[in-house]
């Protein structure tokens, strides 16, 4: 298995959301400071908020040797309303 650098995590997480079959997840943003990932943006339901977190968590699991913290600051609300 190849070694994953901490610098690889944010782009992988962002790509995973951008390629999601769930359209609401595609515009979410992933930022990183050191070993902390922050997911932000807005979705219409708590289900989508949790789904986005699980997508990013799956990326974190691929990076086993890294001690990563995941913060989900996605807002839930109606867009444009």
N, C-alpha and C. Protein backbone atom coordinates (compact mmCIF):
# COMPACT_ATOMS: atom_id res chain seq x y z
N UNK A 1 0.84 -1.18 0.00
CA UNK A 1 0.00 0.00 0.00
C UNK A 1 0.89 1.24 0.00
N UNK A 2 0.53 2.22 -0.78
CA UNK A 2 1.35 3.43 -0.87
C UNK A 2 1.05 4.35 0.31
N UNK A 3 2.06 5.10 0.71
CA UNK A 3 1.94 6.04 1.82
C UNK A 3 1.18 7.28 1.35
N UNK A 4 0.19 7.69 2.12
CA UNK A 4 -0.59 8.88 1.80
C UNK A 4 -0.11 10.02 2.66
N UNK A 5 0.21 11.14 2.03
CA UNK A 5 0.66 12.33 2.75
C UNK A 5 -0.55 13.10 3.26
N UNK A 6 -0.35 13.83 4.35
CA UNK A 6 -1.43 14.65 4.90
C UNK A 6 -1.88 15.71 3.89
N UNK A 7 -0.97 16.09 2.99
CA UNK A 7 -1.33 17.08 1.95
C UNK A 7 -2.28 16.50 0.90
N UNK A 8 -2.37 15.17 0.82
CA UNK A 8 -3.25 14.52 -0.15
C UNK A 8 -4.69 14.42 0.31
N UNK A 9 -4.94 14.61 1.59
CA UNK A 9 -6.25 14.34 2.15
C UNK A 9 -7.31 15.32 1.66
N UNK A 10 -7.06 16.62 1.78
CA UNK A 10 -8.07 17.61 1.39
C UNK A 10 -8.48 17.47 -0.07
N UNK A 11 -7.53 17.38 -1.01
CA UNK A 11 -7.95 17.22 -2.41
C UNK A 11 -8.75 15.93 -2.65
N UNK A 12 -8.39 14.88 -1.97
CA UNK A 12 -9.15 13.62 -2.12
C UNK A 12 -10.57 13.77 -1.59
N UNK A 13 -10.71 14.41 -0.44
CA UNK A 13 -12.03 14.62 0.14
C UNK A 13 -12.88 15.53 -0.74
N UNK A 14 -12.27 16.60 -1.25
CA UNK A 14 -13.00 17.52 -2.12
C UNK A 14 -13.46 16.81 -3.39
N UNK A 15 -12.60 15.99 -3.96
CA UNK A 15 -12.94 15.24 -5.17
C UNK A 15 -14.06 14.24 -4.90
N UNK A 16 -14.01 13.58 -3.75
CA UNK A 16 -15.06 12.62 -3.40
C UNK A 16 -16.42 13.30 -3.33
N UNK A 17 -16.48 14.48 -2.74
CA UNK A 17 -17.75 15.21 -2.70
C UNK A 17 -18.16 15.70 -4.08
N UNK A 18 -17.20 16.22 -4.84
CA UNK A 18 -17.50 16.76 -6.18
C UNK A 18 -18.00 15.68 -7.13
N UNK A 19 -17.59 14.45 -6.91
CA UNK A 19 -18.00 13.34 -7.78
C UNK A 19 -19.17 12.54 -7.22
N UNK A 20 -19.75 13.02 -6.14
CA UNK A 20 -20.85 12.30 -5.51
C UNK A 20 -22.06 12.24 -6.44
N UNK A 21 -22.78 11.12 -6.42
CA UNK A 21 -24.02 11.05 -7.20
C UNK A 21 -25.13 11.91 -6.58
N UNK A 22 -24.92 12.37 -5.36
CA UNK A 22 -25.88 13.25 -4.69
C UNK A 22 -25.49 14.69 -5.00
N UNK A 23 -26.27 15.35 -5.83
CA UNK A 23 -25.92 16.68 -6.33
C UNK A 23 -25.67 17.70 -5.22
N UNK A 24 -26.42 17.62 -4.13
CA UNK A 24 -26.26 18.60 -3.05
C UNK A 24 -24.87 18.58 -2.43
N UNK A 25 -24.18 17.48 -2.53
CA UNK A 25 -22.86 17.38 -1.92
C UNK A 25 -21.76 17.97 -2.79
N UNK A 26 -22.05 18.18 -4.05
CA UNK A 26 -21.02 18.59 -4.99
C UNK A 26 -20.49 20.00 -4.78
N UNK A 27 -21.27 20.87 -4.17
CA UNK A 27 -20.84 22.25 -3.96
C UNK A 27 -20.27 22.50 -2.57
N UNK A 28 -20.18 21.47 -1.76
CA UNK A 28 -19.62 21.64 -0.43
C UNK A 28 -18.12 21.86 -0.52
N UNK A 29 -17.57 22.45 0.51
CA UNK A 29 -16.15 22.80 0.50
C UNK A 29 -15.42 22.07 1.63
N UNK A 30 -14.21 21.65 1.35
CA UNK A 30 -13.36 21.03 2.36
C UNK A 30 -12.11 21.89 2.51
N UNK A 31 -11.87 22.35 3.73
CA UNK A 31 -10.66 23.09 4.05
C UNK A 31 -9.84 22.26 5.02
N UNK A 32 -8.54 22.55 5.06
CA UNK A 32 -7.66 21.78 5.94
C UNK A 32 -6.66 22.70 6.61
N UNK A 33 -6.48 22.47 7.90
CA UNK A 33 -5.40 23.11 8.63
C UNK A 33 -4.72 22.02 9.44
N UNK A 34 -3.48 21.75 9.06
CA UNK A 34 -2.74 20.64 9.67
C UNK A 34 -3.54 19.35 9.51
N UNK A 35 -3.90 18.71 10.63
CA UNK A 35 -4.60 17.42 10.57
C UNK A 35 -6.10 17.58 10.82
N UNK A 36 -6.63 18.76 10.59
CA UNK A 36 -8.06 19.01 10.77
C UNK A 36 -8.70 19.33 9.43
N UNK A 37 -9.76 18.59 9.11
CA UNK A 37 -10.55 18.85 7.91
C UNK A 37 -11.86 19.50 8.33
N UNK A 38 -12.27 20.54 7.62
CA UNK A 38 -13.50 21.26 7.90
C UNK A 38 -14.38 21.20 6.66
N UNK A 39 -15.57 20.64 6.81
CA UNK A 39 -16.53 20.59 5.70
C UNK A 39 -17.51 21.73 5.92
N UNK A 40 -17.74 22.54 4.87
CA UNK A 40 -18.67 23.66 5.00
C UNK A 40 -19.52 23.78 3.75
N UNK A 41 -20.58 24.55 3.89
CA UNK A 41 -21.52 24.76 2.80
C UNK A 41 -22.93 24.64 3.35
N UNK A 42 -23.89 24.45 2.46
CA UNK A 42 -25.29 24.38 2.86
C UNK A 42 -25.99 23.25 2.11
N UNK A 43 -26.79 22.48 2.84
CA UNK A 43 -27.60 21.42 2.25
C UNK A 43 -29.03 21.56 2.77
N UNK A 44 -29.95 20.84 2.17
CA UNK A 44 -31.36 21.01 2.53
C UNK A 44 -31.83 20.10 3.66
N UNK A 45 -31.01 19.12 4.07
CA UNK A 45 -31.47 18.20 5.12
C UNK A 45 -30.31 17.70 5.97
N UNK A 46 -30.65 17.26 7.18
CA UNK A 46 -29.64 16.68 8.05
C UNK A 46 -29.12 15.38 7.47
N UNK A 47 -29.94 14.69 6.69
CA UNK A 47 -29.49 13.47 6.01
C UNK A 47 -28.31 13.78 5.09
N UNK A 48 -28.43 14.84 4.29
CA UNK A 48 -27.35 15.21 3.38
C UNK A 48 -26.11 15.68 4.14
N UNK A 49 -26.32 16.35 5.27
CA UNK A 49 -25.18 16.77 6.10
C UNK A 49 -24.42 15.54 6.59
N UNK A 50 -25.14 14.53 7.08
CA UNK A 50 -24.51 13.31 7.56
C UNK A 50 -23.87 12.53 6.42
N UNK A 51 -24.53 12.51 5.27
CA UNK A 51 -23.99 11.80 4.11
C UNK A 51 -22.66 12.41 3.68
N UNK A 52 -22.58 13.73 3.66
CA UNK A 52 -21.32 14.40 3.30
C UNK A 52 -20.22 14.03 4.28
N UNK A 53 -20.56 13.99 5.56
CA UNK A 53 -19.58 13.63 6.57
C UNK A 53 -19.06 12.21 6.35
N UNK A 54 -19.94 11.30 5.99
CA UNK A 54 -19.53 9.91 5.77
C UNK A 54 -18.67 9.77 4.51
N UNK A 55 -18.94 10.58 3.50
CA UNK A 55 -18.10 10.57 2.30
C UNK A 55 -16.67 10.98 2.66
N UNK A 56 -16.55 12.05 3.42
CA UNK A 56 -15.22 12.53 3.81
C UNK A 56 -14.57 11.56 4.80
N UNK A 57 -15.36 11.00 5.69
CA UNK A 57 -14.82 10.01 6.64
C UNK A 57 -14.23 8.81 5.91
N UNK A 58 -14.85 8.39 4.83
CA UNK A 58 -14.32 7.27 4.04
C UNK A 58 -12.94 7.61 3.48
N UNK A 59 -12.75 8.85 3.05
CA UNK A 59 -11.43 9.29 2.57
C UNK A 59 -10.43 9.24 3.72
N UNK A 60 -10.85 9.68 4.90
CA UNK A 60 -9.96 9.67 6.07
C UNK A 60 -9.54 8.25 6.43
N UNK A 61 -10.44 7.30 6.27
CA UNK A 61 -10.12 5.90 6.58
C UNK A 61 -9.05 5.35 5.64
N UNK A 62 -8.98 5.88 4.42
CA UNK A 62 -7.94 5.47 3.47
C UNK A 62 -6.56 5.94 3.93
N UNK A 63 -6.54 6.90 4.83
CA UNK A 63 -5.29 7.49 5.32
C UNK A 63 -5.06 7.04 6.75
N UNK A 64 -5.00 5.74 6.95
CA UNK A 64 -4.96 5.13 8.28
C UNK A 64 -3.89 5.68 9.21
N UNK A 65 -2.70 5.89 8.72
CA UNK A 65 -1.60 6.31 9.58
C UNK A 65 -1.70 7.74 10.07
N UNK A 66 -2.63 8.50 9.53
CA UNK A 66 -2.76 9.91 9.88
C UNK A 66 -3.85 10.08 10.93
N UNK A 67 -3.57 10.85 11.95
CA UNK A 67 -4.55 11.13 12.99
C UNK A 67 -5.31 12.39 12.58
N UNK A 68 -6.46 12.20 11.93
CA UNK A 68 -7.21 13.32 11.37
C UNK A 68 -8.44 13.64 12.21
N UNK A 69 -8.72 14.92 12.33
CA UNK A 69 -9.95 15.38 12.97
C UNK A 69 -10.87 15.90 11.88
N UNK A 70 -12.15 15.56 11.97
CA UNK A 70 -13.13 15.98 10.98
C UNK A 70 -14.18 16.85 11.66
N UNK A 71 -14.34 18.07 11.15
CA UNK A 71 -15.34 18.99 11.69
C UNK A 71 -16.39 19.24 10.60
N UNK A 72 -17.63 18.96 10.93
CA UNK A 72 -18.73 19.15 10.00
C UNK A 72 -19.47 20.43 10.36
N UNK A 73 -19.22 21.50 9.62
CA UNK A 73 -19.90 22.78 9.89
C UNK A 73 -20.89 23.12 8.78
N UNK A 74 -21.41 22.10 8.13
CA UNK A 74 -22.41 22.29 7.06
C UNK A 74 -23.69 22.84 7.68
N UNK A 75 -24.24 23.87 7.05
CA UNK A 75 -25.52 24.44 7.48
C UNK A 75 -26.65 23.69 6.80
N UNK A 76 -27.74 23.52 7.53
CA UNK A 76 -28.93 22.87 6.99
C UNK A 76 -30.00 23.93 6.85
N UNK A 77 -30.52 24.08 5.65
CA UNK A 77 -31.56 25.07 5.41
C UNK A 77 -31.95 25.08 3.96
N UNK A 78 -32.99 25.78 3.67
CA UNK A 78 -33.45 25.88 2.29
C UNK A 78 -32.59 26.86 1.53
N UNK A 79 -32.19 26.50 0.32
CA UNK A 79 -31.39 27.42 -0.49
C UNK A 79 -32.31 28.44 -1.14
N UNK A 80 -31.85 29.68 -1.17
CA UNK A 80 -32.59 30.74 -1.83
C UNK A 80 -33.83 31.19 -1.06
N UNK A 81 -34.04 30.64 0.16
CA UNK A 81 -35.26 30.95 0.86
C UNK A 81 -35.07 31.72 2.08
